[in-house]
Amino acid sequence: MNMAELKNKFIAVKNYEPVDVNELLDFARQMYLRGEITIAEYRDLSRDLELAGAYKPDNKNEYIGL
């Protein structure tokens, strides 16, 4: 899966465009945890999204409300 496919899947599932690359990173993580993509696909997507400016929260409190 590449970033374009991830974005299309996001739109199909959520019915709206992602606000930023962090939203796509979270979506990719959820897909990996549900077993919908492999670890290799997640790793590649994660790397590409981080190069595009996405970041994983450093503080545990940033996960509150997800």
PDB file of N, CA and C in Angstrom:
ATOM      1  N   MET A   1       0.861  -1.179   0.000  1.00  0.00           N
ATOM      2  CA  MET A   1       0.000   0.000   0.000  1.00  0.00           C
ATOM      3  C   MET A   1       0.896   1.227   0.000  1.00  0.00           C
ATOM      4  N   ASN A   2       0.546   2.193  -0.827  1.00  0.00           N
ATOM      5  CA  ASN A   2       1.297   3.447  -0.841  1.00  0.00           C
ATOM      6  C   ASN A   2       0.439   4.551  -0.213  1.00  0.00           C
ATOM      7  N   MET A   3       0.994   5.761  -0.157  1.00  0.00           N
ATOM      8  CA  MET A   3       0.273   6.855   0.511  1.00  0.00           C
ATOM      9  C   MET A   3      -1.020   7.219  -0.203  1.00  0.00           C
ATOM     10  N   ALA A   4      -1.033   7.152  -1.530  1.00  0.00           N
ATOM     11  CA  ALA A   4      -2.260   7.470  -2.270  1.00  0.00           C
ATOM     12  C   ALA A   4      -3.358   6.460  -1.946  1.00  0.00           C
ATOM     13  N   GLU A   5      -2.994   5.188  -1.878  1.00  0.00           N
ATOM     14  CA  GLU A   5      -3.972   4.152  -1.533  1.00  0.00           C
ATOM     15  C   GLU A   5      -4.459   4.327  -0.098  1.00  0.00           C
ATOM     16  N   LEU A   6      -3.534   4.682   0.799  1.00  0.00           N
ATOM     17  CA  LEU A   6      -3.913   4.926   2.192  1.00  0.00           C
ATOM     18  C   LEU A   6      -4.904   6.082   2.282  1.00  0.00           C
ATOM     19  N   LYS A   7      -4.634   7.159   1.560  1.00  0.00           N
ATOM     20  CA  LYS A   7      -5.529   8.318   1.577  1.00  0.00           C
ATOM     21  C   LYS A   7      -6.902   7.951   1.019  1.00  0.00           C
ATOM     22  N   ASN A   8      -6.934   7.190  -0.078  1.00  0.00           N
ATOM     23  CA  ASN A   8      -8.210   6.762  -0.658  1.00  0.00           C
ATOM     24  C   ASN A   8      -8.988   5.876   0.305  1.00  0.00           C
ATOM     25  N   LYS A   9      -8.290   4.976   1.003  1.00  0.00           N
ATOM     26  CA  LYS A   9      -8.941   4.104   1.994  1.00  0.00           C
ATOM     27  C   LYS A   9      -9.481   4.950   3.142  1.00  0.00           C
ATOM     28  N   PHE A  10      -8.698   5.929   3.586  1.00  0.00           N
ATOM     29  CA  PHE A  10      -9.124   6.830   4.655  1.00  0.00           C
ATOM     30  C   PHE A  10     -10.428   7.525   4.266  1.00  0.00           C
ATOM     31  N   ILE A  11     -10.466   8.088   3.061  1.00  0.00           N
ATOM     32  CA  ILE A  11     -11.654   8.794   2.596  1.00  0.00           C
ATOM     33  C   ILE A  11     -12.849   7.855   2.497  1.00  0.00           C
ATOM     34  N   ALA A  12     -12.613   6.638   2.028  1.00  0.00           N
ATOM     35  CA  ALA A  12     -13.707   5.664   1.897  1.00  0.00           C
ATOM     36  C   ALA A  12     -14.281   5.274   3.259  1.00  0.00           C
ATOM     37  N   VAL A  13     -13.411   5.145   4.259  1.00  0.00           N
ATOM     38  CA  VAL A  13     -13.853   4.724   5.592  1.00  0.00           C
ATOM     39  C   VAL A  13     -14.430   5.890   6.391  1.00  0.00           C
ATOM     40  N   LYS A  14     -13.743   7.019   6.380  1.00  0.00           N
ATOM     41  CA  LYS A  14     -14.124   8.156   7.235  1.00  0.00           C
ATOM     42  C   LYS A  14     -15.096   9.137   6.575  1.00  0.00           C
ATOM     43  N   ASN A  15     -15.234   9.065   5.260  1.00  0.00           N
ATOM     44  CA  ASN A  15     -16.122   9.953   4.498  1.00  0.00           C
ATOM     45  C   ASN A  15     -15.710  11.428   4.552  1.00  0.00           C
ATOM     46  N   TYR A  16     -14.432  11.688   4.739  1.00  0.00           N
ATOM     47  CA  TYR A  16     -13.894  13.047   4.632  1.00  0.00           C
ATOM     48  C   TYR A  16     -12.400  12.967   4.339  1.00  0.00           C
ATOM     49  N   GLU A  17     -11.856  14.060   3.840  1.00  0.00           N
ATOM     50  CA  GLU A  17     -10.422  14.130   3.533  1.00  0.00           C
ATOM     51  C   GLU A  17      -9.626  14.281   4.829  1.00  0.00           C
ATOM     52  N   PRO A  18      -8.457  13.653   4.918  1.00  0.00           N
ATOM     53  CA  PRO A  18      -7.636  13.836   6.123  1.00  0.00           C
ATOM     54  C   PRO A  18      -7.186  15.286   6.255  1.00  0.00           C
ATOM     55  N   VAL A  19      -7.192  15.780   7.478  1.00  0.00           N
ATOM     56  CA  VAL A  19      -6.812  17.165   7.748  1.00  0.00           C
ATOM     57  C   VAL A  19      -5.306  17.349   7.554  1.00  0.00           C
ATOM     58  N   ASP A  20      -4.517  16.367   8.003  1.00  0.00           N
ATOM     59  CA  ASP A  20      -3.067  16.452   7.874  1.00  0.00           C
ATOM     60  C   ASP A  20      -2.463  15.047   7.830  1.00  0.00           C
ATOM     61  N   VAL A  21      -1.143  14.986   7.681  1.00  0.00           N
ATOM     62  CA  VAL A  21      -0.472  13.685   7.579  1.00  0.00           C
ATOM     63  C   VAL A  21      -0.487  12.923   8.897  1.00  0.00           C
ATOM     64  N   ASN A  22      -0.633  13.627  10.014  1.00  0.00           N
ATOM     65  CA  ASN A  22      -0.729  12.931  11.304  1.00  0.00           C
ATOM     66  C   ASN A  22      -1.986  12.072  11.362  1.00  0.00           C
ATOM     67  N   GLU A  23      -3.049  12.550  10.776  1.00  0.00           N
ATOM     68  CA  GLU A  23      -4.295  11.792  10.743  1.00  0.00           C
ATOM     69  C   GLU A  23      -4.112  10.512   9.916  1.00  0.00           C
ATOM     70  N   LEU A  24      -3.358  10.615   8.830  1.00  0.00           N
ATOM     71  CA  LEU A  24      -3.067   9.427   8.020  1.00  0.00           C
ATOM     72  C   LEU A  24      -2.160   8.463   8.772  1.00  0.00           C
ATOM     73  N   LEU A  25      -1.213   8.980   9.536  1.00  0.00           N
ATOM     74  CA  LEU A  25      -0.332   8.125  10.329  1.00  0.00           C
ATOM     75  C   LEU A  25      -1.132   7.359  11.375  1.00  0.00           C
ATOM     76  N   ASP A  26      -2.047   8.032  12.050  1.00  0.00           N
ATOM     77  CA  ASP A  26      -2.914   7.370  13.027  1.00  0.00           C
ATOM     78  C   ASP A  26      -3.768   6.297  12.362  1.00  0.00           C
ATOM     79  N   PHE A  27      -4.283   6.596  11.183  1.00  0.00           N
ATOM     80  CA  PHE A  27      -5.118   5.648  10.449  1.00  0.00           C
ATOM     81  C   PHE A  27      -4.302   4.423  10.041  1.00  0.00           C
ATOM     82  N   ALA A  28      -3.079   4.641   9.577  1.00  0.00           N
ATOM     83  CA  ALA A  28      -2.199   3.527   9.207  1.00  0.00           C
ATOM     84  C   ALA A  28      -1.909   2.659  10.423  1.00  0.00           C
ATOM     85  N   ARG A  29      -1.674   3.291  11.581  1.00  0.00           N
ATOM     86  CA  ARG A  29      -1.410   2.544  12.811  1.00  0.00           C
ATOM     87  C   ARG A  29      -2.617   1.690  13.177  1.00  0.00           C
ATOM     88  N   GLN A  30      -3.814   2.249  13.062  1.00  0.00           N
ATOM     89  CA  GLN A  30      -5.038   1.494  13.357  1.00  0.00           C
ATOM     90  C   GLN A  30      -5.197   0.317  12.403  1.00  0.00           C
ATOM     91  N   MET A  31      -4.891   0.542  11.126  1.00  0.00           N
ATOM     92  CA  MET A  31      -4.996  -0.548  10.149  1.00  0.00           C
ATOM     93  C   MET A  31      -4.012  -1.667  10.477  1.00  0.00           C
ATOM     94  N   TYR A  32      -2.807  -1.301  10.890  1.00  0.00           N
ATOM     95  CA  TYR A  32      -1.812  -2.312  11.267  1.00  0.00           C
ATOM     96  C   TYR A  32      -2.283  -3.096  12.488  1.00  0.00           C
ATOM     97  N   LEU A  33      -2.773  -2.392  13.496  1.00  0.00           N
ATOM     98  CA  LEU A  33      -3.217  -3.060  14.727  1.00  0.00           C
ATOM     99  C   LEU A  33      -4.413  -3.978  14.489  1.00  0.00           C
ATOM    100  N   ARG A  34      -5.240  -3.657  13.497  1.00  0.00           N
ATOM    101  CA  ARG A  34      -6.376  -4.516  13.147  1.00  0.00           C
ATOM    102  C   ARG A  34      -5.980  -5.638  12.197  1.00  0.00           C
ATOM    103  N   GLY A  35      -4.721  -5.666  11.777  1.00  0.00           N
ATOM    104  CA  GLY A  35      -4.244  -6.709  10.887  1.00  0.00           C
ATOM    105  C   GLY A  35      -4.600  -6.500   9.429  1.00  0.00           C
ATOM    106  N   GLU A  36      -4.938  -5.266   9.054  1.00  0.00           N
ATOM    107  CA  GLU A  36      -5.334  -4.969   7.678  1.00  0.00           C
ATOM    108  C   GLU A  36      -4.134  -4.693   6.778  1.00  0.00           C
ATOM    109  N   ILE A  37      -2.998  -4.335   7.362  1.00  0.00           N
ATOM    110  CA  ILE A  37      -1.758  -4.175   6.604  1.00  0.00           C
ATOM    111  C   ILE A  37      -0.639  -4.877   7.362  1.00  0.00           C
ATOM    112  N   THR A  38       0.411  -5.237   6.654  1.00  0.00           N
ATOM    113  CA  THR A  38       1.541  -5.929   7.278  1.00  0.00           C
ATOM    114  C   THR A  38       2.455  -4.947   7.989  1.00  0.00           C
ATOM    115  N   ILE A  39       3.358  -5.485   8.790  1.00  0.00           N
ATOM    116  CA  ILE A  39       4.332  -4.637   9.476  1.00  0.00           C
ATOM    117  C   ILE A  39       5.214  -3.921   8.456  1.00  0.00           C
ATOM    118  N   ALA A  40       5.552  -4.594   7.363  1.00  0.00           N
ATOM    119  CA  ALA A  40       6.381  -3.965   6.321  1.00  0.00           C
ATOM    120  C   ALA A  40       5.643  -2.794   5.679  1.00  0.00           C
ATOM    121  N   GLU A  41       4.358  -2.974   5.399  1.00  0.00           N
ATOM    122  CA  GLU A  41       3.569  -1.880   4.825  1.00  0.00           C
ATOM    123  C   GLU A  41       3.464  -0.719   5.811  1.00  0.00           C
ATOM    124  N   TYR A  42       3.219  -1.044   7.084  1.00  0.00           N
ATOM    125  CA  TYR A  42       3.116   0.007   8.102  1.00  0.00           C
ATOM    126  C   TYR A  42       4.432   0.769   8.232  1.00  0.00           C
ATOM    127  N   ARG A  43       5.529   0.033   8.253  1.00  0.00           N
ATOM    128  CA  ARG A  43       6.842   0.660   8.385  1.00  0.00           C
ATOM    129  C   ARG A  43       7.121   1.599   7.211  1.00  0.00           C
ATOM    130  N   ASP A  44       6.814   1.153   5.985  1.00  0.00           N
ATOM    131  CA  ASP A  44       7.022   1.996   4.804  1.00  0.00           C
ATOM    132  C   ASP A  44       6.121   3.236   4.832  1.00  0.00           C
ATOM    133  N   LEU A  45       4.846   3.038   5.160  1.00  0.00           N
ATOM    134  CA  LEU A  45       3.913   4.171   5.246  1.00  0.00           C
ATOM    135  C   LEU A  45       4.346   5.149   6.331  1.00  0.00           C
ATOM    136  N   SER A  46       4.727   4.603   7.471  1.00  0.00           N
ATOM    137  CA  SER A  46       5.154   5.431   8.597  1.00  0.00           C
ATOM    138  C   SER A  46       6.365   6.279   8.207  1.00  0.00           C
ATOM    139  N   ARG A  47       7.334   5.665   7.549  1.00  0.00           N
ATOM    140  CA  ARG A  47       8.532   6.395   7.116  1.00  0.00           C
ATOM    141  C   ARG A  47       8.162   7.506   6.126  1.00  0.00           C
ATOM    142  N   ASP A  48       7.339   7.159   5.129  1.00  0.00           N
ATOM    143  CA  ASP A  48       6.940   8.149   4.124  1.00  0.00           C
ATOM    144  C   ASP A  48       6.144   9.297   4.743  1.00  0.00           C
ATOM    145  N   LEU A  49       5.242   8.973   5.667  1.00  0.00           N
ATOM    146  CA  LEU A  49       4.429  10.007   6.311  1.00  0.00           C
ATOM    147  C   LEU A  49       5.284  10.897   7.210  1.00  0.00           C
ATOM    148  N   GLU A  50       6.264  10.305   7.896  1.00  0.00           N
ATOM    149  CA  GLU A  50       7.148  11.111   8.736  1.00  0.00           C
ATOM    150  C   GLU A  50       8.010  12.035   7.880  1.00  0.00           C
ATOM    151  N   LEU A  51       8.439  11.551   6.711  1.00  0.00           N
ATOM    152  CA  LEU A  51       9.187  12.415   5.797  1.00  0.00           C
ATOM    153  C   LEU A  51       8.318  13.567   5.288  1.00  0.00           C
ATOM    154  N   ALA A  52       6.999  13.337   5.242  1.00  0.00           N
ATOM    155  CA  ALA A  52       6.057  14.370   4.802  1.00  0.00           C
ATOM    156  C   ALA A  52       5.650  15.305   5.942  1.00  0.00           C
ATOM    157  N   GLY A  53       6.176  15.051   7.158  1.00  0.00           N
ATOM    158  CA  GLY A  53       5.908  15.951   8.277  1.00  0.00           C
ATOM    159  C   GLY A  53       5.099  15.372   9.421  1.00  0.00           C
ATOM    160  N   ALA A  54       4.649  14.136   9.305  1.00  0.00           N
ATOM    161  CA  ALA A  54       3.889  13.524  10.393  1.00  0.00           C
ATOM    162  C   ALA A  54       4.836  13.195  11.547  1.00  0.00           C
ATOM    163  N   TYR A  55       4.288  13.161  12.742  1.00  0.00           N
ATOM    164  CA  TYR A  55       5.093  12.789  13.897  1.00  0.00           C
ATOM    165  C   TYR A  55       4.245  11.999  14.878  1.00  0.00           C
ATOM    166  N   LYS A  56       4.912  11.144  15.620  1.00  0.00           N
ATOM    167  CA  LYS A  56       4.253  10.371  16.666  1.00  0.00           C
ATOM    168  C   LYS A  56       4.299  11.200  17.942  1.00  0.00           C
ATOM    169  N   PRO A  57       3.217  11.235  18.702  1.00  0.00           N
ATOM    170  CA  PRO A  57       3.204  12.027  19.939  1.00  0.00           C
ATOM    171  C   PRO A  57       4.302  11.575  20.896  1.00  0.00           C
ATOM    172  N   ASP A  58       5.021  12.521  21.471  1.00  0.00           N
ATOM    173  CA  ASP A  58       6.070  12.215  22.435  1.00  0.00           C
ATOM    174  C   ASP A  58       5.506  12.066  23.839  1.00  0.00           C
ATOM    175  N   ASN A  59       4.412  12.740  24.079  1.00  0.00           N
ATOM    176  CA  ASN A  59       3.831  12.778  25.413  1.00  0.00           C
ATOM    177  C   ASN A  59       2.611  11.877  25.471  1.00  0.00           C
ATOM    178  N   LYS A  60       2.518  11.031  26.479  1.00  0.00           N
ATOM    179  CA  LYS A  60       1.376  10.126  26.604  1.00  0.00           C
ATOM    180  C   LYS A  60       0.059  10.881  26.638  1.00  0.00           C
ATOM    181  N   ASN A  61       0.046  12.084  27.175  1.00  0.00           N
ATOM    182  CA  ASN A  61      -1.190  12.868  27.270  1.00  0.00           C
ATOM    183  C   ASN A  61      -1.742  13.257  25.912  1.00  0.00           C
ATOM    184  N   GLU A  62      -0.890  13.227  24.878  1.00  0.00           N
ATOM    185  CA  GLU A  62      -1.365  13.579  23.541  1.00  0.00           C
ATOM    186  C   GLU A  62      -2.295  12.498  22.987  1.00  0.00           C
ATOM    187  N   TYR A  63      -2.263  11.299  23.585  1.00  0.00           N
ATOM    188  CA  TYR A  63      -3.136  10.220  23.139  1.00  0.00           C
ATOM    189  C   TYR A  63      -4.537  10.306  23.757  1.00  0.00           C
ATOM    190  N   ILE A  64      -4.698  11.127  24.792  1.00  0.00           N
ATOM    191  CA  ILE A  64      -5.981  11.243  25.454  1.00  0.00           C
ATOM    192  C   ILE A  64      -7.022  11.760  24.471  1.00  0.00           C
ATOM    193  N   GLY A  65      -8.140  11.098  24.417  1.00  0.00           N
ATOM    194  CA  GLY A  65      -9.221  11.518  23.543  1.00  0.00           C
ATOM    195  C   GLY A  65      -9.211  10.865  22.182  1.00  0.00           C
ATOM    196  N   LEU A  66      -8.232  10.004  21.934  1.00  0.00           N
ATOM    197  CA  LEU A  66      -8.211   9.320  20.628  1.00  0.00           C
ATOM    198  C   LEU A  66      -9.136   8.131  20.649  1.00  0.00           C
TER     199      LEU A  66
END
